[in-house]
Full PDB file with SEQRES, HELIX, SHEET, SSBOND, CRYST1, ORIGX, SCALE, CONECT and MASTER records, all heavy atoms in Angstrom:
SEQRES   1 A   42  ILE ALA ASP CYS THR VAL ASP GLU PHE ILE SER ALA ASN          
SEQRES   2 A   42  SER GLN LEU ARG VAL ARG VAL ARG THR PRO GLN PRO ASP          
SEQRES   3 A   42  GLN LEU ALA LYS LEU ALA ALA THR ALA GLY GLY THR VAL          
SEQRES   4 A   42  THR GLU PRO                                                  
HELIX    1 AA1 VAL A    6  ALA A   12  1                                   7    
HELIX    2 AA2 PRO A   25  THR A   34  1                                  10    
CRYST1    1.000    1.000    1.000  90.00  90.00  90.00 P 1           1          
ORIGX1      1.000000  0.000000  0.000000        0.00000                         
ORIGX2      0.000000  1.000000  0.000000        0.00000                         
ORIGX3      0.000000  0.000000  1.000000        0.00000                         
SCALE1      1.000000  0.000000  0.000000        0.00000                         
SCALE2      0.000000  1.000000  0.000000        0.00000                         
SCALE3      0.000000  0.000000  1.000000        0.00000                         
ATOM      1  N   ILE A   1       7.471  23.450 -72.632  1.00  0.00           N  
ATOM      2  CA  ILE A   1       7.169  24.568 -73.569  1.00  0.00           C  
ATOM      3  C   ILE A   1       7.156  25.968 -72.880  1.00  0.00           C  
ATOM      4  O   ILE A   1       7.026  26.931 -73.540  1.00  0.00           O  
ATOM      5  CB  ILE A   1       5.890  24.264 -74.308  1.00  0.00           C  
ATOM      6  CG1 ILE A   1       4.740  24.030 -73.363  1.00  0.00           C  
ATOM      7  CG2 ILE A   1       6.042  23.127 -75.251  1.00  0.00           C  
ATOM      8  CD1 ILE A   1       3.372  23.772 -74.010  1.00  0.00           C  
ATOM      9  N   ALA A   2       7.279  26.000 -71.549  1.00  0.00           N  
ATOM     10  CA  ALA A   2       7.311  27.305 -70.856  1.00  0.00           C  
ATOM     11  C   ALA A   2       7.905  27.079 -69.510  1.00  0.00           C  
ATOM     12  O   ALA A   2       7.593  26.072 -68.819  1.00  0.00           O  
ATOM     13  CB  ALA A   2       5.963  27.957 -70.754  1.00  0.00           C  
ATOM     14  N   ASP A   3       8.792  28.017 -69.073  1.00  0.00           N  
ATOM     15  CA  ASP A   3       9.388  28.000 -67.742  1.00  0.00           C  
ATOM     16  C   ASP A   3       9.604  29.504 -67.356  1.00  0.00           C  
ATOM     17  O   ASP A   3      10.601  30.083 -67.779  1.00  0.00           O  
ATOM     18  CB  ASP A   3      10.747  27.241 -67.826  1.00  0.00           C  
ATOM     19  CG  ASP A   3      11.499  27.135 -66.537  1.00  0.00           C  
ATOM     20  OD1 ASP A   3      10.982  27.791 -65.502  1.00  0.00           O  
ATOM     21  OD2 ASP A   3      12.505  26.475 -66.421  1.00  0.00           O  
ATOM     22  N   CYS A   4       8.573  30.090 -66.663  1.00  0.00           N  
ATOM     23  CA  CYS A   4       8.557  31.451 -66.373  1.00  0.00           C  
ATOM     24  C   CYS A   4       7.603  31.760 -65.289  1.00  0.00           C  
ATOM     25  O   CYS A   4       6.943  30.896 -64.763  1.00  0.00           O  
ATOM     26  CB  CYS A   4       8.188  32.234 -67.622  1.00  0.00           C  
ATOM     27  SG  CYS A   4       6.576  31.724 -68.382  1.00  0.00           S  
ATOM     28  N   THR A   5       7.537  33.098 -64.873  1.00  0.00           N  
ATOM     29  CA  THR A   5       6.521  33.489 -63.936  1.00  0.00           C  
ATOM     30  C   THR A   5       5.146  33.419 -64.564  1.00  0.00           C  
ATOM     31  O   THR A   5       4.969  33.418 -65.809  1.00  0.00           O  
ATOM     32  CB  THR A   5       6.786  34.875 -63.407  1.00  0.00           C  
ATOM     33  OG1 THR A   5       6.612  35.794 -64.437  1.00  0.00           O  
ATOM     34  CG2 THR A   5       8.226  35.001 -62.862  1.00  0.00           C  
ATOM     35  N   VAL A   6       4.076  33.542 -63.723  1.00  0.00           N  
ATOM     36  CA  VAL A   6       2.794  33.589 -64.216  1.00  0.00           C  
ATOM     37  C   VAL A   6       2.502  34.801 -65.107  1.00  0.00           C  
ATOM     38  O   VAL A   6       1.939  34.675 -66.208  1.00  0.00           O  
ATOM     39  CB  VAL A   6       1.693  33.525 -63.055  1.00  0.00           C  
ATOM     40  CG1 VAL A   6       0.289  33.760 -63.605  1.00  0.00           C  
ATOM     41  CG2 VAL A   6       1.815  32.301 -62.273  1.00  0.00           C  
ATOM     42  N   ASP A   7       2.937  35.913 -64.668  1.00  0.00           N  
ATOM     43  CA  ASP A   7       2.781  37.234 -65.394  1.00  0.00           C  
ATOM     44  C   ASP A   7       3.491  37.142 -66.777  1.00  0.00           C  
ATOM     45  O   ASP A   7       3.023  37.600 -67.795  1.00  0.00           O  
ATOM     46  CB  ASP A   7       3.262  38.440 -64.635  1.00  0.00           C  
ATOM     47  CG  ASP A   7       2.357  38.752 -63.436  1.00  0.00           C  
ATOM     48  OD1 ASP A   7       1.175  38.261 -63.416  1.00  0.00           O  
ATOM     49  OD2 ASP A   7       2.775  39.440 -62.543  1.00  0.00           O  
ATOM     50  N   GLU A   8       4.711  36.605 -66.758  1.00  0.00           N  
ATOM     51  CA  GLU A   8       5.460  36.431 -67.975  1.00  0.00           C  
ATOM     52  C   GLU A   8       4.713  35.506 -68.955  1.00  0.00           C  
ATOM     53  O   GLU A   8       4.722  35.760 -70.196  1.00  0.00           O  
ATOM     54  CB  GLU A   8       6.860  35.946 -67.727  1.00  0.00           C  
ATOM     55  CG  GLU A   8       7.783  36.963 -67.057  1.00  0.00           C  
ATOM     56  CD  GLU A   8       9.059  36.383 -66.606  1.00  0.00           C  
ATOM     57  OE1 GLU A   8       9.140  35.092 -66.461  1.00  0.00           O  
ATOM     58  OE2 GLU A   8      10.028  37.157 -66.278  1.00  0.00           O  
ATOM     59  N   PHE A   9       4.162  34.410 -68.482  1.00  0.00           N  
ATOM     60  CA  PHE A   9       3.437  33.492 -69.314  1.00  0.00           C  
ATOM     61  C   PHE A   9       2.285  34.056 -69.907  1.00  0.00           C  
ATOM     62  O   PHE A   9       2.021  33.941 -71.108  1.00  0.00           O  
ATOM     63  CB  PHE A   9       3.061  32.226 -68.398  1.00  0.00           C  
ATOM     64  CG  PHE A   9       2.338  31.161 -69.175  1.00  0.00           C  
ATOM     65  CD1 PHE A   9       3.052  30.227 -69.923  1.00  0.00           C  
ATOM     66  CD2 PHE A   9       0.949  31.128 -69.165  1.00  0.00           C  
ATOM     67  CE1 PHE A   9       2.398  29.300 -70.622  1.00  0.00           C  
ATOM     68  CE2 PHE A   9       0.329  30.146 -69.884  1.00  0.00           C  
ATOM     69  CZ  PHE A   9       1.045  29.224 -70.633  1.00  0.00           C  
ATOM     70  N   ILE A  10       1.467  34.843 -69.155  1.00  0.00           N  
ATOM     71  CA  ILE A  10       0.253  35.488 -69.657  1.00  0.00           C  
ATOM     72  C   ILE A  10       0.562  36.496 -70.709  1.00  0.00           C  
ATOM     73  O   ILE A  10       0.040  36.565 -71.817  1.00  0.00           O  
ATOM     74  CB  ILE A  10      -0.586  36.036 -68.559  1.00  0.00           C  
ATOM     75  CG1 ILE A  10      -1.159  34.984 -67.655  1.00  0.00           C  
ATOM     76  CG2 ILE A  10      -1.745  36.853 -69.158  1.00  0.00           C  
ATOM     77  CD1 ILE A  10      -1.826  35.495 -66.417  1.00  0.00           C  
ATOM     78  N   SER A  11       1.641  37.271 -70.465  1.00  0.00           N  
ATOM     79  CA  SER A  11       2.017  38.292 -71.348  1.00  0.00           C  
ATOM     80  C   SER A  11       2.518  37.800 -72.653  1.00  0.00           C  
ATOM     81  O   SER A  11       2.302  38.289 -73.792  1.00  0.00           O  
ATOM     82  CB  SER A  11       3.132  39.207 -70.730  1.00  0.00           C  
ATOM     83  OG  SER A  11       3.598  40.208 -71.595  1.00  0.00           O  
ATOM     84  N   ALA A  12       3.370  36.670 -72.615  1.00  0.00           N  
ATOM     85  CA  ALA A  12       3.949  36.132 -73.792  1.00  0.00           C  
ATOM     86  C   ALA A  12       2.994  35.317 -74.702  1.00  0.00           C  
ATOM     87  O   ALA A  12       3.253  35.086 -75.860  1.00  0.00           O  
ATOM     88  CB  ALA A  12       5.130  35.296 -73.433  1.00  0.00           C  
ATOM     89  N   ASN A  13       1.870  34.841 -74.053  1.00  0.00           N  
ATOM     90  CA  ASN A  13       1.004  33.878 -74.812  1.00  0.00           C  
ATOM     91  C   ASN A  13      -0.409  34.361 -74.984  1.00  0.00           C  
ATOM     92  O   ASN A  13      -1.312  33.542 -75.100  1.00  0.00           O  
ATOM     93  CB  ASN A  13       1.053  32.553 -74.069  1.00  0.00           C  
ATOM     94  CG  ASN A  13       2.448  31.905 -74.095  1.00  0.00           C  
ATOM     95  OD1 ASN A  13       2.959  31.500 -75.143  1.00  0.00           O  
ATOM     96  ND2 ASN A  13       3.099  31.925 -72.906  1.00  0.00           N  
ATOM     97  N   SER A  14      -0.659  35.668 -74.879  1.00  0.00           N  
ATOM     98  CA  SER A  14      -1.959  36.179 -75.103  1.00  0.00           C  
ATOM     99  C   SER A  14      -1.838  37.495 -75.824  1.00  0.00           C  
ATOM    100  O   SER A  14      -0.868  38.232 -75.610  1.00  0.00           O  
ATOM    101  CB  SER A  14      -2.783  36.317 -73.789  1.00  0.00           C  
ATOM    102  OG  SER A  14      -2.080  37.167 -72.891  1.00  0.00           O  
ATOM    103  N   GLN A  15      -2.848  37.815 -76.614  1.00  0.00           N  
ATOM    104  CA  GLN A  15      -2.835  39.078 -77.362  1.00  0.00           C  
ATOM    105  C   GLN A  15      -3.472  40.172 -76.586  1.00  0.00           C  
ATOM    106  O   GLN A  15      -4.550  39.998 -75.936  1.00  0.00           O  
ATOM    107  CB  GLN A  15      -3.546  38.887 -78.709  1.00  0.00           C  
ATOM    108  CG  GLN A  15      -3.323  40.029 -79.651  1.00  0.00           C  
ATOM    109  CD  GLN A  15      -3.952  39.738 -81.015  1.00  0.00           C  
ATOM    110  OE1 GLN A  15      -4.929  38.977 -81.094  1.00  0.00           O  
ATOM    111  NE2 GLN A  15      -3.348  40.293 -82.077  1.00  0.00           N  
ATOM    112  N   LEU A  16      -2.817  41.411 -76.597  1.00  0.00           N  
ATOM    113  CA  LEU A  16      -3.404  42.583 -75.929  1.00  0.00           C  
ATOM    114  C   LEU A  16      -4.736  42.932 -76.592  1.00  0.00           C  
ATOM    115  O   LEU A  16      -4.830  43.009 -77.845  1.00  0.00           O  
ATOM    116  CB  LEU A  16      -2.421  43.688 -75.964  1.00  0.00           C  
ATOM    117  CG  LEU A  16      -2.898  45.042 -75.351  1.00  0.00           C  
ATOM    118  CD1 LEU A  16      -3.110  44.840 -73.834  1.00  0.00           C  
ATOM    119  CD2 LEU A  16      -1.877  46.155 -75.625  1.00  0.00           C  
ATOM    120  N   ARG A  17      -5.748  43.228 -75.715  1.00  0.00           N  
ATOM    121  CA  ARG A  17      -7.037  43.683 -76.247  1.00  0.00           C  
ATOM    122  C   ARG A  17      -7.485  44.914 -75.485  1.00  0.00           C  
ATOM    123  O   ARG A  17      -7.163  45.119 -74.315  1.00  0.00           O  
ATOM    124  CB  ARG A  17      -8.094  42.591 -76.179  1.00  0.00           C  
ATOM    125  CG  ARG A  17      -7.781  41.352 -77.060  1.00  0.00           C  
ATOM    126  CD  ARG A  17      -8.977  40.375 -76.925  1.00  0.00           C  
ATOM    127  NE  ARG A  17      -9.148  39.913 -75.579  1.00  0.00           N  
ATOM    128  CZ  ARG A  17     -10.286  39.350 -75.114  1.00  0.00           C  
ATOM    129  NH1 ARG A  17     -11.288  39.214 -75.948  1.00  0.00           N  
ATOM    130  NH2 ARG A  17     -10.328  38.961 -73.858  1.00  0.00           N  
ATOM    131  N   VAL A  18      -8.267  45.772 -76.206  1.00  0.00           N  
ATOM    132  CA  VAL A  18      -8.734  47.015 -75.584  1.00  0.00           C  
ATOM    133  C   VAL A  18     -10.282  47.089 -75.841  1.00  0.00           C  
ATOM    134  O   VAL A  18     -10.668  46.954 -77.012  1.00  0.00           O  
ATOM    135  CB  VAL A  18      -8.052  48.254 -76.161  1.00  0.00           C  
ATOM    136  CG1 VAL A  18      -8.592  49.504 -75.487  1.00  0.00           C  
ATOM    137  CG2 VAL A  18      -6.540  48.215 -75.928  1.00  0.00           C  
ATOM    138  N   ARG A  19     -11.027  47.287 -74.810  1.00  0.00           N  
ATOM    139  CA  ARG A  19     -12.481  47.416 -74.977  1.00  0.00           C  
ATOM    140  C   ARG A  19     -12.778  48.963 -75.055  1.00  0.00           C  
ATOM    141  O   ARG A  19     -12.313  49.723 -74.236  1.00  0.00           O  
ATOM    142  CB  ARG A  19     -13.271  46.843 -73.814  1.00  0.00           C  
ATOM    143  CG  ARG A  19     -14.786  46.907 -73.906  1.00  0.00           C  
ATOM    144  CD  ARG A  19     -15.504  46.219 -72.906  1.00  0.00           C  
ATOM    145  NE  ARG A  19     -15.233  46.733 -71.560  1.00  0.00           N  
ATOM    146  CZ  ARG A  19     -14.734  45.988 -70.576  1.00  0.00           C  
ATOM    147  NH1 ARG A  19     -14.436  44.743 -70.802  1.00  0.00           N  
ATOM    148  NH2 ARG A  19     -14.499  46.509 -69.383  1.00  0.00           N  
ATOM    149  N   VAL A  20     -13.568  49.306 -75.980  1.00  0.00           N  
ATOM    150  CA  VAL A  20     -13.921  50.705 -76.247  1.00  0.00           C  
ATOM    151  C   VAL A  20     -15.361  50.872 -76.460  1.00  0.00           C  
ATOM    152  O   VAL A  20     -16.053  50.100 -77.059  1.00  0.00           O  
ATOM    153  CB  VAL A  20     -13.158  51.270 -77.502  1.00  0.00           C  
ATOM    154  CG1 VAL A  20     -13.470  52.733 -77.716  1.00  0.00           C  
ATOM    155  CG2 VAL A  20     -11.659  51.035 -77.446  1.00  0.00           C  
ATOM    156  N   ARG A  21     -15.982  51.887 -75.826  1.00  0.00           N  
ATOM    157  CA  ARG A  21     -17.337  52.293 -76.064  1.00  0.00           C  
ATOM    158  C   ARG A  21     -17.251  53.744 -76.589  1.00  0.00           C  
ATOM    159  O   ARG A  21     -16.690  54.604 -76.009  1.00  0.00           O  
ATOM    160  CB  ARG A  21     -18.200  52.223 -74.746  1.00  0.00           C  
ATOM    161  CG  ARG A  21     -18.359  50.815 -74.256  1.00  0.00           C  
ATOM    162  CD  ARG A  21     -19.234  50.814 -73.010  1.00  0.00           C  
ATOM    163  NE  ARG A  21     -19.291  49.487 -72.354  1.00  0.00           N  
ATOM    164  CZ  ARG A  21     -20.046  48.483 -72.795  1.00  0.00           C  
ATOM    165  NH1 ARG A  21     -20.918  48.672 -73.764  1.00  0.00           N  
ATOM    166  NH2 ARG A  21     -20.013  47.322 -72.191  1.00  0.00           N  
ATOM    167  N   THR A  22     -17.964  53.920 -77.675  1.00  0.00           N  
ATOM    168  CA  THR A  22     -17.965  55.203 -78.334  1.00  0.00           C  
ATOM    169  C   THR A  22     -19.206  55.387 -79.199  1.00  0.00           C  
ATOM    170  O   THR A  22     -19.812  54.372 -79.717  1.00  0.00           O  
ATOM    171  CB  THR A  22     -16.755  55.424 -79.278  1.00  0.00           C  
ATOM    172  OG1 THR A  22     -16.883  56.582 -80.090  1.00  0.00           O  
ATOM    173  CG2 THR A  22     -16.689  54.198 -80.213  1.00  0.00           C  
ATOM    174  N   PRO A  23     -19.795  56.646 -79.327  1.00  0.00           N  
ATOM    175  CA  PRO A  23     -20.926  56.865 -80.210  1.00  0.00           C  
ATOM    176  C   PRO A  23     -20.560  56.797 -81.678  1.00  0.00           C  
ATOM    177  O   PRO A  23     -21.413  56.900 -82.521  1.00  0.00           O  
ATOM    178  CB  PRO A  23     -21.438  58.232 -79.755  1.00  0.00           C  
ATOM    179  CG  PRO A  23     -20.234  58.872 -79.154  1.00  0.00           C  
ATOM    180  CD  PRO A  23     -19.466  57.818 -78.530  1.00  0.00           C  
ATOM    181  N   GLN A  24     -19.270  56.596 -81.965  1.00  0.00           N  
ATOM    182  CA  GLN A  24     -18.790  56.567 -83.321  1.00  0.00           C  
ATOM    183  C   GLN A  24     -18.007  55.273 -83.576  1.00  0.00           C  
ATOM    184  O   GLN A  24     -16.807  55.388 -83.987  1.00  0.00           O  
ATOM    185  CB  GLN A  24     -17.952  57.808 -83.665  1.00  0.00           C  
ATOM    186  CG  GLN A  24     -18.581  59.125 -83.452  1.00  0.00           C  
ATOM    187  CD  GLN A  24     -17.661  60.294 -83.147  1.00  0.00           C  
ATOM    188  OE1 GLN A  24     -17.230  60.496 -82.033  1.00  0.00           O  
ATOM    189  NE2 GLN A  24     -17.207  60.967 -84.275  1.00  0.00           N  
ATOM    190  N   PRO A  25     -18.636  54.118 -83.315  1.00  0.00           N  
ATOM    191  CA  PRO A  25     -17.898  52.921 -83.430  1.00  0.00           C  
ATOM    192  C   PRO A  25     -17.347  52.569 -84.781  1.00  0.00           C  
ATOM    193  O   PRO A  25     -16.229  52.085 -84.947  1.00  0.00           O  
ATOM    194  CB  PRO A  25     -18.895  51.832 -83.000  1.00  0.00           C  
ATOM    195  CG  PRO A  25     -20.177  52.421 -83.238  1.00  0.00           C  
ATOM    196  CD  PRO A  25     -20.043  53.895 -82.994  1.00  0.00           C  
ATOM    197  N   ASP A  26     -18.093  52.863 -85.869  1.00  0.00           N  
ATOM    198  CA  ASP A  26     -17.714  52.583 -87.211  1.00  0.00           C  
ATOM    199  C   ASP A  26     -16.388  53.349 -87.574  1.00  0.00           C  
ATOM    200  O   ASP A  26     -15.486  52.812 -88.203  1.00  0.00           O  
ATOM    201  CB  ASP A  26     -18.799  52.851 -88.194  1.00  0.00           C  
ATOM    202  CG  ASP A  26     -19.990  51.877 -88.062  1.00  0.00           C  
ATOM    203  OD1 ASP A  26     -19.806  50.839 -87.468  1.00  0.00           O  
ATOM    204  OD2 ASP A  26     -21.054  52.200 -88.515  1.00  0.00           O  
ATOM    205  N   GLN A  27     -16.398  54.605 -87.252  1.00  0.00           N  
ATOM    206  CA  GLN A  27     -15.228  55.439 -87.509  1.00  0.00           C  
ATOM    207  C   GLN A  27     -14.038  54.956 -86.799  1.00  0.00           C  
ATOM    208  O   GLN A  27     -12.892  54.821 -87.418  1.00  0.00           O  
ATOM    209  CB  GLN A  27     -15.453  56.868 -87.248  1.00  0.00           C  
ATOM    210  CG  GLN A  27     -14.400  57.881 -87.610  1.00  0.00           C  
ATOM    211  CD  GLN A  27     -14.729  59.293 -87.271  1.00  0.00           C  
ATOM    212  OE1 GLN A  27     -15.785  59.610 -86.838  1.00  0.00           O  
ATOM    213  NE2 GLN A  27     -13.716  60.136 -87.395  1.00  0.00           N  
ATOM    214  N   LEU A  28     -14.215  54.647 -85.515  1.00  0.00           N  
ATOM    215  CA  LEU A  28     -13.032  54.173 -84.778  1.00  0.00           C  
ATOM    216  C   LEU A  28     -12.534  52.816 -85.218  1.00  0.00           C  
ATOM    217  O   LEU A  28     -11.277  52.532 -85.281  1.00  0.00           O  
ATOM    218  CB  LEU A  28     -13.337  54.109 -83.262  1.00  0.00           C  
ATOM    219  CG  LEU A  28     -12.206  53.702 -82.367  1.00  0.00           C  
ATOM    220  CD1 LEU A  28     -11.057  54.753 -82.455  1.00  0.00           C  
ATOM    221  CD2 LEU A  28     -12.647  53.669 -80.843  1.00  0.00           C  
ATOM    222  N   ALA A  29     -13.490  52.005 -85.691  1.00  0.00           N  
ATOM    223  CA  ALA A  29     -13.100  50.636 -86.111  1.00  0.00           C  
ATOM    224  C   ALA A  29     -12.224  50.799 -87.390  1.00  0.00           C  
ATOM    225  O   ALA A  29     -11.272  50.058 -87.545  1.00  0.00           O  
ATOM    226  CB  ALA A  29     -14.291  49.803 -86.435  1.00  0.00           C  
ATOM    227  N   LYS A  30     -12.601  51.694 -88.273  1.00  0.00           N  
ATOM    228  CA  LYS A  30     -11.803  51.912 -89.540  1.00  0.00           C  
ATOM    229  C   LYS A  30     -10.474  52.428 -89.204  1.00  0.00           C  
ATOM    230  O   LYS A  30      -9.412  51.993 -89.813  1.00  0.00           O  
ATOM    231  CB  LYS A  30     -12.573  52.859 -90.439  1.00  0.00           C  
ATOM    232  CG  LYS A  30     -13.809  52.253 -91.038  1.00  0.00           C  
ATOM    233  CD  LYS A  30     -14.511  53.276 -91.894  1.00  0.00           C  
ATOM    234  CE  LYS A  30     -15.791  52.732 -92.554  1.00  0.00           C  
ATOM    235  NZ  LYS A  30     -16.600  53.772 -93.342  1.00  0.00           N  
ATOM    236  N   LEU A  31     -10.391  53.395 -88.259  1.00  0.00           N  
ATOM    237  CA  LEU A  31      -9.051  53.882 -87.911  1.00  0.00           C  
ATOM    238  C   LEU A  31      -8.204  52.841 -87.247  1.00  0.00           C  
ATOM    239  O   LEU A  31      -6.931  52.761 -87.513  1.00  0.00           O  
ATOM    240  CB  LEU A  31      -9.246  55.076 -86.873  1.00  0.00           C  
ATOM    241  CG  LEU A  31     -10.005  56.343 -87.404  1.00  0.00           C  
ATOM    242  CD1 LEU A  31     -10.379  57.218 -86.237  1.00  0.00           C  
ATOM    243  CD2 LEU A  31      -9.036  57.060 -88.344  1.00  0.00           C  
ATOM    244  N   ALA A  32      -8.740  52.041 -86.388  1.00  0.00           N  
ATOM    245  CA  ALA A  32      -8.000  50.991 -85.712  1.00  0.00           C  
ATOM    246  C   ALA A  32      -7.443  49.971 -86.766  1.00  0.00           C  
ATOM    247  O   ALA A  32      -6.283  49.547 -86.663  1.00  0.00           O  
ATOM    248  CB  ALA A  32      -8.815  50.292 -84.691  1.00  0.00           C  
ATOM    249  N   ALA A  33      -8.297  49.572 -87.712  1.00  0.00           N  
ATOM    250  CA  ALA A  33      -7.866  48.625 -88.746  1.00  0.00           C  
ATOM    251  C   ALA A  33      -6.785  49.203 -89.609  1.00  0.00           C  
ATOM    252  O   ALA A  33      -5.780  48.473 -89.905  1.00  0.00           O  
ATOM    253  CB  ALA A  33      -9.059  48.256 -89.638  1.00  0.00           C  
ATOM    254  N   THR A  34      -6.812  50.487 -89.912  1.00  0.00           N  
ATOM    255  CA  THR A  34      -5.793  51.130 -90.717  1.00  0.00           C  
ATOM    256  C   THR A  34      -4.448  51.104 -89.928  1.00  0.00           C  
ATOM    257  O   THR A  34      -3.367  51.070 -90.548  1.00  0.00           O  
ATOM    258  CB  THR A  34      -6.217  52.600 -91.082  1.00  0.00           C  
ATOM    259  OG1 THR A  34      -7.478  52.526 -91.769  1.00  0.00           O  
ATOM    260  CG2 THR A  34      -5.211  53.274 -91.850  1.00  0.00           C  
ATOM    261  N   ALA A  35      -4.571  51.294 -88.614  1.00  0.00           N  
ATOM    262  CA  ALA A  35      -3.326  51.308 -87.776  1.00  0.00           C  
ATOM    263  C   ALA A  35      -2.771  49.908 -87.469  1.00  0.00           C  
ATOM    264  O   ALA A  35      -1.754  49.829 -86.754  1.00  0.00           O  
ATOM    265  CB  ALA A  35      -3.657  52.062 -86.485  1.00  0.00           C  
ATOM    266  N   GLY A  36      -3.418  48.882 -87.981  1.00  0.00           N  
ATOM    267  CA  GLY A  36      -2.903  47.505 -87.784  1.00  0.00           C  
ATOM    268  C   GLY A  36      -3.615  46.757 -86.740  1.00  0.00           C  
ATOM    269  O   GLY A  36      -3.194  45.610 -86.421  1.00  0.00           O  
ATOM    270  N   GLY A  37      -4.758  47.267 -86.203  1.00  0.00           N  
ATOM    271  CA  GLY A  37      -5.501  46.526 -85.182  1.00  0.00           C  
ATOM    272  C   GLY A  37      -6.552  45.658 -85.842  1.00  0.00           C  
ATOM    273  O   GLY A  37      -6.880  45.772 -87.005  1.00  0.00           O  
ATOM    274  N   THR A  38      -7.080  44.724 -84.974  1.00  0.00           N  
ATOM    275  CA  THR A  38      -8.144  43.894 -85.401  1.00  0.00           C  
ATOM    276  C   THR A  38      -9.338  44.152 -84.561  1.00  0.00           C  
ATOM    277  O   THR A  38      -9.273  44.258 -83.330  1.00  0.00           O  
ATOM    278  CB  THR A  38      -7.779  42.377 -85.258  1.00  0.00           C  
ATOM    279  OG1 THR A  38      -6.644  42.102 -86.053  1.00  0.00           O  
ATOM    280  CG2 THR A  38      -8.929  41.471 -85.666  1.00  0.00           C  
ATOM    281  N   VAL A  39     -10.513  44.389 -85.155  1.00  0.00           N  
ATOM    282  CA  VAL A  39     -11.709  44.832 -84.420  1.00  0.00           C  
ATOM    283  C   VAL A  39     -12.762  43.777 -84.420  1.00  0.00           C  
ATOM    284  O   VAL A  39     -13.045  43.204 -85.525  1.00  0.00           O  
ATOM    285  CB  VAL A  39     -12.266  46.112 -85.055  1.00  0.00           C  
ATOM    286  CG1 VAL A  39     -13.518  46.644 -84.275  1.00  0.00           C  
ATOM    287  CG2 VAL A  39     -11.171  47.185 -85.028  1.00  0.00           C  
ATOM    288  N   THR A  40     -13.352  43.522 -83.302  1.00  0.00           N  
ATOM    289  CA  THR A  40     -14.502  42.600 -83.153  1.00  0.00           C  
ATOM    290  C   THR A  40     -15.599  43.332 -82.370  1.00  0.00           C  
ATOM    291  O   THR A  40     -15.295  44.248 -81.646  1.00  0.00           O  
ATOM    292  CB  THR A  40     -14.103  41.335 -82.472  1.00  0.00           C  
ATOM    293  OG1 THR A  40     -13.525  41.571 -81.176  1.00  0.00           O  
ATOM    294  CG2 THR A  40     -13.081  40.532 -83.286  1.00  0.00           C  
ATOM    295  N   GLU A  41     -16.774  42.804 -82.510  1.00  0.00           N  
ATOM    296  CA  GLU A  41     -17.901  43.358 -81.752  1.00  0.00           C  
ATOM    297  C   GLU A  41     -18.535  42.325 -80.821  1.00  0.00           C  
ATOM    298  O   GLU A  41     -19.107  41.358 -81.341  1.00  0.00           O  
ATOM    299  CB  GLU A  41     -19.032  43.921 -82.684  1.00  0.00           C  
ATOM    300  CG  GLU A  41     -18.496  45.059 -83.562  1.00  0.00           C  
ATOM    301  CD  GLU A  41     -19.622  45.633 -84.462  1.00  0.00           C  
ATOM    302  OE1 GLU A  41     -20.722  45.378 -84.159  1.00  0.00           O  
ATOM    303  OE2 GLU A  41     -19.300  46.266 -85.445  1.00  0.00           O  
ATOM    304  N   PRO A  42     -18.282  42.389 -79.508  1.00  0.00           N  
ATOM    305  CA  PRO A  42     -18.871  41.357 -78.661  1.00  0.00           C  
ATOM    306  C   PRO A  42     -20.381  41.269 -78.588  1.00  0.00           C  
ATOM    307  O   PRO A  42     -20.907  40.312 -78.119  1.00  0.00           O  
ATOM    308  CB  PRO A  42     -18.267  41.822 -77.240  1.00  0.00           C  
ATOM    309  CG  PRO A  42     -17.137  42.769 -77.576  1.00  0.00           C  
ATOM    310  CD  PRO A  42     -17.507  43.425 -78.854  1.00  0.00           C  
TER     311      PRO A  42                                                      
MASTER        0    0    0    2    0    0    0    6  310    1    0    4          
END                                                                             
């Protein structure tokens, strides 16, 4: 099911995520969702 380098494997089979800290989390979450992102709160 895979024949590639380690970096290629990780890149192809995992979703990019970005961690953000902001004093306006609700506003940024709405903006990100509108732009097609998915927001979670750890």
